[in-house]
Amino acid sequence: MSIFRVILAIIFPPLAVIGKGCGSIIIVFLLTLCGWVPGVIAALIILNKNN
C-alpha cells in the first residue's frame, strides 16, 4: 500500500481501489454514498489486503 493510494483513499475512496476489481469499486462507492467515513475505511481495508 503506497502513500499515494492512502491519500487517494482519503480524498476519493472509489478511485483508490480501481485496481482491485469491479466489485471492490462498487462496494466502496456505495459505502461512500452512505457516508464518507465508511467508504474511506472500506478502501483502506481493501488496499491493505494481500492477494
N, C-alpha and C. Protein backbone atom coordinates (compact mmCIF):
# COMPACT_ATOMS: atom_id res chain seq x y z
N MET A 1 0.86 -1.16 0.00
CA MET A 1 0.00 0.00 0.00
C MET A 1 0.91 1.23 0.00
N SER A 2 0.85 1.98 -1.07
CA SER A 2 1.69 3.17 -1.19
C SER A 2 1.02 4.38 -0.55
N ILE A 3 1.81 5.37 -0.25
CA ILE A 3 1.30 6.59 0.37
C ILE A 3 0.34 7.31 -0.57
N PHE A 4 0.60 7.19 -1.89
CA PHE A 4 -0.29 7.81 -2.87
C PHE A 4 -1.68 7.19 -2.81
N ARG A 5 -1.76 5.86 -2.68
CA ARG A 5 -3.06 5.19 -2.58
C ARG A 5 -3.78 5.56 -1.29
N VAL A 6 -3.05 5.73 -0.21
CA VAL A 6 -3.68 6.10 1.07
C VAL A 6 -4.27 7.50 0.96
N ILE A 7 -3.52 8.43 0.39
CA ILE A 7 -4.04 9.79 0.22
C ILE A 7 -5.24 9.79 -0.71
N LEU A 8 -5.16 9.00 -1.77
CA LEU A 8 -6.28 8.90 -2.70
C LEU A 8 -7.50 8.26 -2.03
N ALA A 9 -7.28 7.30 -1.14
CA ALA A 9 -8.39 6.67 -0.41
C ALA A 9 -9.06 7.66 0.52
N ILE A 10 -8.32 8.61 1.04
CA ILE A 10 -8.90 9.61 1.93
C ILE A 10 -9.67 10.65 1.14
N ILE A 11 -9.14 11.03 -0.03
CA ILE A 11 -9.80 12.07 -0.83
C ILE A 11 -11.00 11.52 -1.59
N PHE A 12 -10.80 10.44 -2.34
CA PHE A 12 -11.88 9.83 -3.13
C PHE A 12 -11.71 8.32 -3.11
N PRO A 13 -12.35 7.63 -2.16
CA PRO A 13 -12.12 6.20 -1.94
C PRO A 13 -12.32 5.29 -3.15
N PRO A 14 -13.37 5.45 -3.98
CA PRO A 14 -13.52 4.51 -5.10
C PRO A 14 -12.36 4.54 -6.10
N LEU A 15 -11.75 5.68 -6.27
CA LEU A 15 -10.64 5.79 -7.20
C LEU A 15 -9.40 5.07 -6.68
N ALA A 16 -9.26 4.95 -5.39
CA ALA A 16 -8.09 4.29 -4.81
C ALA A 16 -8.10 2.79 -5.02
N VAL A 17 -9.29 2.18 -5.13
CA VAL A 17 -9.38 0.72 -5.28
C VAL A 17 -9.64 0.30 -6.72
N ILE A 18 -9.32 1.15 -7.67
CA ILE A 18 -9.64 0.87 -9.06
C ILE A 18 -8.90 -0.36 -9.59
N GLY A 19 -7.76 -0.68 -9.02
CA GLY A 19 -7.00 -1.84 -9.48
C GLY A 19 -7.41 -3.15 -8.82
N LYS A 20 -8.35 -3.13 -7.91
CA LYS A 20 -8.74 -4.32 -7.16
C LYS A 20 -9.96 -5.03 -7.73
N GLY A 21 -10.57 -4.51 -8.79
CA GLY A 21 -11.70 -5.18 -9.41
C GLY A 21 -12.98 -4.38 -9.30
N CYS A 22 -13.93 -4.78 -10.13
CA CYS A 22 -15.20 -4.06 -10.23
C CYS A 22 -16.03 -4.15 -8.95
N GLY A 23 -16.01 -5.30 -8.31
CA GLY A 23 -16.80 -5.48 -7.10
C GLY A 23 -16.33 -4.58 -5.98
N SER A 24 -15.04 -4.43 -5.85
CA SER A 24 -14.49 -3.56 -4.81
C SER A 24 -14.86 -2.11 -5.06
N ILE A 25 -14.83 -1.70 -6.32
CA ILE A 25 -15.18 -0.32 -6.66
C ILE A 25 -16.63 -0.04 -6.32
N ILE A 26 -17.51 -0.98 -6.65
CA ILE A 26 -18.94 -0.79 -6.38
C ILE A 26 -19.21 -0.74 -4.88
N ILE A 27 -18.59 -1.65 -4.12
CA ILE A 27 -18.81 -1.67 -2.68
C ILE A 27 -18.33 -0.37 -2.04
N VAL A 28 -17.13 0.07 -2.41
CA VAL A 28 -16.59 1.30 -1.83
C VAL A 28 -17.42 2.50 -2.27
N PHE A 29 -17.88 2.51 -3.51
CA PHE A 29 -18.71 3.62 -3.99
C PHE A 29 -20.02 3.70 -3.21
N LEU A 30 -20.67 2.56 -2.99
CA LEU A 30 -21.93 2.56 -2.24
C LEU A 30 -21.71 2.98 -0.79
N LEU A 31 -20.63 2.52 -0.19
CA LEU A 31 -20.34 2.93 1.18
C LEU A 31 -20.00 4.42 1.25
N THR A 32 -19.35 4.94 0.23
CA THR A 32 -19.04 6.37 0.19
C THR A 32 -20.32 7.18 0.05
N LEU A 33 -21.30 6.66 -0.69
CA LEU A 33 -22.58 7.36 -0.80
C LEU A 33 -23.31 7.39 0.54
N CYS A 34 -23.16 6.33 1.32
CA CYS A 34 -23.79 6.29 2.65
C CYS A 34 -23.12 7.24 3.62
N GLY A 35 -21.85 7.44 3.42
CA GLY A 35 -21.08 8.33 4.29
C GLY A 35 -19.63 8.26 3.91
N TRP A 36 -18.93 9.35 4.06
CA TRP A 36 -17.54 9.40 3.63
C TRP A 36 -16.65 8.47 4.45
N VAL A 37 -16.87 8.41 5.75
CA VAL A 37 -16.02 7.61 6.64
C VAL A 37 -16.11 6.12 6.33
N PRO A 38 -17.30 5.53 6.14
CA PRO A 38 -17.34 4.11 5.79
C PRO A 38 -16.63 3.79 4.47
N GLY A 39 -16.71 4.70 3.52
CA GLY A 39 -16.03 4.50 2.25
C GLY A 39 -14.53 4.51 2.41
N VAL A 40 -14.02 5.43 3.23
CA VAL A 40 -12.57 5.51 3.47
C VAL A 40 -12.09 4.26 4.21
N ILE A 41 -12.84 3.82 5.20
CA ILE A 41 -12.44 2.63 5.96
C ILE A 41 -12.43 1.40 5.06
N ALA A 42 -13.46 1.24 4.24
CA ALA A 42 -13.51 0.10 3.33
C ALA A 42 -12.38 0.15 2.31
N ALA A 43 -12.08 1.31 1.79
CA ALA A 43 -10.99 1.44 0.82
C ALA A 43 -9.65 1.08 1.47
N LEU A 44 -9.42 1.53 2.68
CA LEU A 44 -8.16 1.22 3.36
C LEU A 44 -8.06 -0.27 3.67
N ILE A 45 -9.16 -0.90 4.04
CA ILE A 45 -9.15 -2.34 4.31
C ILE A 45 -8.87 -3.12 3.02
N ILE A 46 -9.51 -2.73 1.93
CA ILE A 46 -9.30 -3.42 0.66
C ILE A 46 -7.87 -3.22 0.17
N LEU A 47 -7.33 -2.04 0.34
CA LEU A 47 -5.96 -1.78 -0.08
C LEU A 47 -4.95 -2.52 0.79
N ASN A 48 -5.29 -2.78 2.03
CA ASN A 48 -4.38 -3.46 2.96
C ASN A 48 -4.36 -4.96 2.77
N LYS A 49 -5.38 -5.55 2.11
CA LYS A 49 -5.43 -6.98 1.89
C LYS A 49 -4.35 -7.41 0.92
N ASN A 50 -3.70 -8.53 1.21
CA ASN A 50 -2.73 -9.10 0.29
C ASN A 50 -3.41 -10.15 -0.58
N ASN A 51 -3.12 -10.11 -1.85
CA ASN A 51 -3.71 -11.11 -2.77
C ASN A 51 -2.74 -12.21 -3.03
